[in-house]
Amino acid sequence: MGAVRSVLYRGRHIRQRLLALSGVERAQTYEFCGAPSLPVEGFQATLRITPVVDGDRSFVEWWADFDCEPARRDELTGTLRGWFAQWLESLHGELVGCRVPRETASVNE
C-alpha cells in the first residue's frame, strides 16, 4: 500500500495515503498525508461498497475515525458527514453518466 492521491476539493489541496485495499471486501482505507485539511489527528476513513442482491444497485458505507478537541467533535463530524454525502452524490453522478446500456436487440445472422 502507500499510494498517495492528491485531491482538490473546495479550494483545499488534500493528500491521502492508501492504507488498505481489498477487492474481495470492496473496501479501501486511507489517511491524510501531510497536514490534514481539518483540525484532526489520527484521521482514517474507510469506504466500502456492498452489492445489493435485489436489483442492479450497491450499498455504500463511508466512515472516519479521528481525534480532535472534544468541543469541536460535533462540528467536525457534521462537516465530514456533509462532505461524504457530497462526494457520494458526485460518485453517483459519475457512475450514472458512465452507465453502459444493456443490449436489448437480438442479433440476426
C-alpha atoms as a PDB file:
ATOM      1  CA  MET A   1       0.000   0.000   0.000  1.00  0.00           C
ATOM      2  CA  GLY A   2       1.118   3.563   0.460  1.00  0.00           C
ATOM      3  CA  ALA A   3      -0.100   5.037  -2.822  1.00  0.00           C
ATOM      4  CA  VAL A   4      -0.783   8.763  -2.449  1.00  0.00           C
ATOM      5  CA  ARG A   5      -3.570  10.622  -4.202  1.00  0.00           C
ATOM      6  CA  SER A   6      -3.924  14.341  -4.455  1.00  0.00           C
ATOM      7  CA  VAL A   7      -7.393  15.881  -4.488  1.00  0.00           C
ATOM      8  CA  LEU A   8      -8.514  19.466  -4.921  1.00  0.00           C
ATOM      9  CA  TYR A   9     -11.799  19.858  -3.070  1.00  0.00           C
ATOM     10  CA  ARG A  10     -13.457  23.206  -2.395  1.00  0.00           C
ATOM     11  CA  GLY A  11     -10.187  25.019  -2.899  1.00  0.00           C
ATOM     12  CA  ARG A  12      -8.374  22.722  -0.469  1.00  0.00           C
ATOM     13  CA  HIS A  13      -5.461  20.597  -1.586  1.00  0.00           C
ATOM     14  CA  ILE A  14      -5.892  17.233   0.141  1.00  0.00           C
ATOM     15  CA  ARG A  15      -3.340  14.425   0.010  1.00  0.00           C
ATOM     16  CA  GLN A  16      -4.362  10.959   1.113  1.00  0.00           C
ATOM     17  CA  ARG A  17      -2.300   7.797   1.632  1.00  0.00           C
ATOM     18  CA  LEU A  18      -3.855   4.407   0.924  1.00  0.00           C
ATOM     19  CA  LEU A  19      -3.594   2.149   3.979  1.00  0.00           C
ATOM     20  CA  ALA A  20      -5.649  -0.861   2.870  1.00  0.00           C
ATOM     21  CA  LEU A  21      -7.344  -2.009  -0.307  1.00  0.00           C
ATOM     22  CA  SER A  22      -9.492  -5.115  -0.676  1.00  0.00           C
ATOM     23  CA  GLY A  23     -11.137  -6.207  -3.898  1.00  0.00           C
ATOM     24  CA  VAL A  24     -12.867  -9.045  -2.040  1.00  0.00           C
ATOM     25  CA  GLU A  25     -14.417  -6.712   0.548  1.00  0.00           C
ATOM     26  CA  ARG A  26     -14.694  -3.875  -1.997  1.00  0.00           C
ATOM     27  CA  ALA A  27     -13.159  -1.525   0.544  1.00  0.00           C
ATOM     28  CA  GLN A  28     -10.362   0.987   0.914  1.00  0.00           C
ATOM     29  CA  THR A  29      -8.939   2.741   3.963  1.00  0.00           C
ATOM     30  CA  TYR A  30      -6.865   5.906   3.789  1.00  0.00           C
ATOM     31  CA  GLU A  31      -5.368   8.649   5.952  1.00  0.00           C
ATOM     32  CA  PHE A  32      -4.322  12.242   5.447  1.00  0.00           C
ATOM     33  CA  CYS A  33      -0.810  12.534   4.091  1.00  0.00           C
ATOM     34  CA  GLY A  34       0.911  15.602   5.494  1.00  0.00           C
ATOM     35  CA  ALA A  35      -1.097  18.301   7.202  1.00  0.00           C
ATOM     36  CA  PRO A  36      -4.811  17.429   7.382  1.00  0.00           C
ATOM     37  CA  SER A  37      -7.311  19.839   5.866  1.00  0.00           C
ATOM     38  CA  LEU A  38      -9.288  19.783   9.135  1.00  0.00           C
ATOM     39  CA  PRO A  39      -8.088  20.241  12.732  1.00  0.00           C
ATOM     40  CA  VAL A  40      -7.985  16.496  13.445  1.00  0.00           C
ATOM     41  CA  GLU A  41      -5.368  13.901  14.372  1.00  0.00           C
ATOM     42  CA  GLY A  42      -5.196  10.205  13.606  1.00  0.00           C
ATOM     43  CA  PHE A  43      -7.715  10.507  10.772  1.00  0.00           C
ATOM     44  CA  GLN A  44      -8.543   7.273   8.953  1.00  0.00           C
ATOM     45  CA  ALA A  45     -11.502   6.830   6.626  1.00  0.00           C
ATOM     46  CA  THR A  46     -12.925   3.683   5.066  1.00  0.00           C
ATOM     47  CA  LEU A  47     -15.134   3.375   2.009  1.00  0.00           C
ATOM     48  CA  ARG A  48     -16.911   0.051   1.449  1.00  0.00           C
ATOM     49  CA  ILE A  49     -19.307  -0.924  -1.332  1.00  0.00           C
ATOM     50  CA  THR A  50     -21.632  -3.902  -0.900  1.00  0.00           C
ATOM     51  CA  PRO A  51     -23.724  -5.251  -3.782  1.00  0.00           C
ATOM     52  CA  VAL A  52     -27.482  -5.279  -3.224  1.00  0.00           C
ATOM     53  CA  VAL A  53     -28.859  -8.622  -4.389  1.00  0.00           C
ATOM     54  CA  ASP A  54     -32.270  -7.175  -5.310  1.00  0.00           C
ATOM     55  CA  GLY A  55     -31.612  -5.070  -8.386  1.00  0.00           C
ATOM     56  CA  ASP A  56     -28.604  -3.503 -10.039  1.00  0.00           C
ATOM     57  CA  ARG A  57     -27.556  -1.400  -7.036  1.00  0.00           C
ATOM     58  CA  SER A  58     -24.943  -1.141  -4.313  1.00  0.00           C
ATOM     59  CA  PHE A  59     -24.905  -0.023  -0.693  1.00  0.00           C
ATOM     60  CA  VAL A  60     -22.082   2.443   0.011  1.00  0.00           C
ATOM     61  CA  GLU A  61     -20.689   2.986   3.506  1.00  0.00           C
ATOM     62  CA  TRP A  62     -18.147   5.676   4.292  1.00  0.00           C
ATOM     63  CA  TRP A  63     -16.910   6.417   7.794  1.00  0.00           C
ATOM     64  CA  ALA A  64     -13.969   8.030   9.550  1.00  0.00           C
ATOM     65  CA  ASP A  65     -12.193   7.728  12.874  1.00  0.00           C
ATOM     66  CA  PHE A  66     -10.257  10.704  14.225  1.00  0.00           C
ATOM     67  CA  ASP A  67      -9.227  12.601  17.332  1.00  0.00           C
ATOM     68  CA  CYS A  68      -9.934  16.300  17.870  1.00  0.00           C
ATOM     69  CA  GLU A  69     -10.702  18.811  20.558  1.00  0.00           C
ATOM     70  CA  PRO A  70     -13.827  17.495  22.352  1.00  0.00           C
ATOM     71  CA  ALA A  71     -15.606  20.840  21.927  1.00  0.00           C
ATOM     72  CA  ARG A  72     -15.276  20.558  18.120  1.00  0.00           C
ATOM     73  CA  ARG A  73     -16.246  16.892  17.712  1.00  0.00           C
ATOM     74  CA  ASP A  74     -19.885  17.525  16.713  1.00  0.00           C
ATOM     75  CA  GLU A  75     -18.891  20.312  14.318  1.00  0.00           C
ATOM     76  CA  LEU A  76     -16.181  18.241  12.601  1.00  0.00           C
ATOM     77  CA  THR A  77     -18.371  15.137  12.472  1.00  0.00           C
ATOM     78  CA  GLY A  78     -21.071  17.221  10.786  1.00  0.00           C
ATOM     79  CA  THR A  79     -18.560  18.642   8.305  1.00  0.00           C
ATOM     80  CA  LEU A  80     -17.331  15.167   7.356  1.00  0.00           C
ATOM     81  CA  ARG A  81     -20.879  13.832   7.031  1.00  0.00           C
ATOM     82  CA  GLY A  82     -21.701  16.688   4.672  1.00  0.00           C
ATOM     83  CA  TRP A  83     -18.536  16.132   2.628  1.00  0.00           C
ATOM     84  CA  PHE A  84     -19.112  12.379   2.426  1.00  0.00           C
ATOM     85  CA  ALA A  85     -22.691  12.979   1.233  1.00  0.00           C
ATOM     86  CA  GLN A  86     -21.474  15.410  -1.448  1.00  0.00           C
ATOM     87  CA  TRP A  87     -18.714  13.035  -2.577  1.00  0.00           C
ATOM     88  CA  LEU A  88     -21.198  10.161  -2.798  1.00  0.00           C
ATOM     89  CA  GLU A  89     -23.577  12.304  -4.867  1.00  0.00           C
ATOM     90  CA  SER A  90     -20.670  13.177  -7.138  1.00  0.00           C
ATOM     91  CA  LEU A  91     -19.731   9.498  -7.440  1.00  0.00           C
ATOM     92  CA  HIS A  92     -23.339   8.614  -8.226  1.00  0.00           C
ATOM     93  CA  GLY A  93     -23.440  11.270 -10.937  1.00  0.00           C
ATOM     94  CA  GLU A  94     -20.234   9.961 -12.492  1.00  0.00           C
ATOM     95  CA  LEU A  95     -21.445   6.351 -12.440  1.00  0.00           C
ATOM     96  CA  VAL A  96     -24.819   7.204 -13.940  1.00  0.00           C
ATOM     97  CA  GLY A  97     -23.034   9.111 -16.697  1.00  0.00           C
ATOM     98  CA  CYS A  98     -20.782   6.123 -17.407  1.00  0.00           C
ATOM     99  CA  ARG A  99     -23.507   3.511 -17.400  1.00  0.00           C
ATOM    100  CA  VAL A 100     -23.340   1.282 -20.467  1.00  0.00           C
ATOM    101  CA  PRO A 101     -26.799   0.497 -21.871  1.00  0.00           C
ATOM    102  CA  ARG A 102     -27.674  -3.197 -21.935  1.00  0.00           C
ATOM    103  CA  GLU A 103     -28.262  -4.695 -25.334  1.00  0.00           C
ATOM    104  CA  THR A 104     -31.952  -5.396 -25.820  1.00  0.00           C
ATOM    105  CA  ALA A 105     -31.955  -6.145 -29.548  1.00  0.00           C
ATOM    106  CA  SER A 106     -31.196  -9.623 -30.809  1.00  0.00           C
ATOM    107  CA  VAL A 107     -28.595 -10.211 -33.469  1.00  0.00           C
ATOM    108  CA  ASN A 108     -29.825 -11.924 -36.653  1.00  0.00           C
ATOM    109  CA  GLU A 109     -27.345 -13.648 -38.894  1.00  0.00           C
END
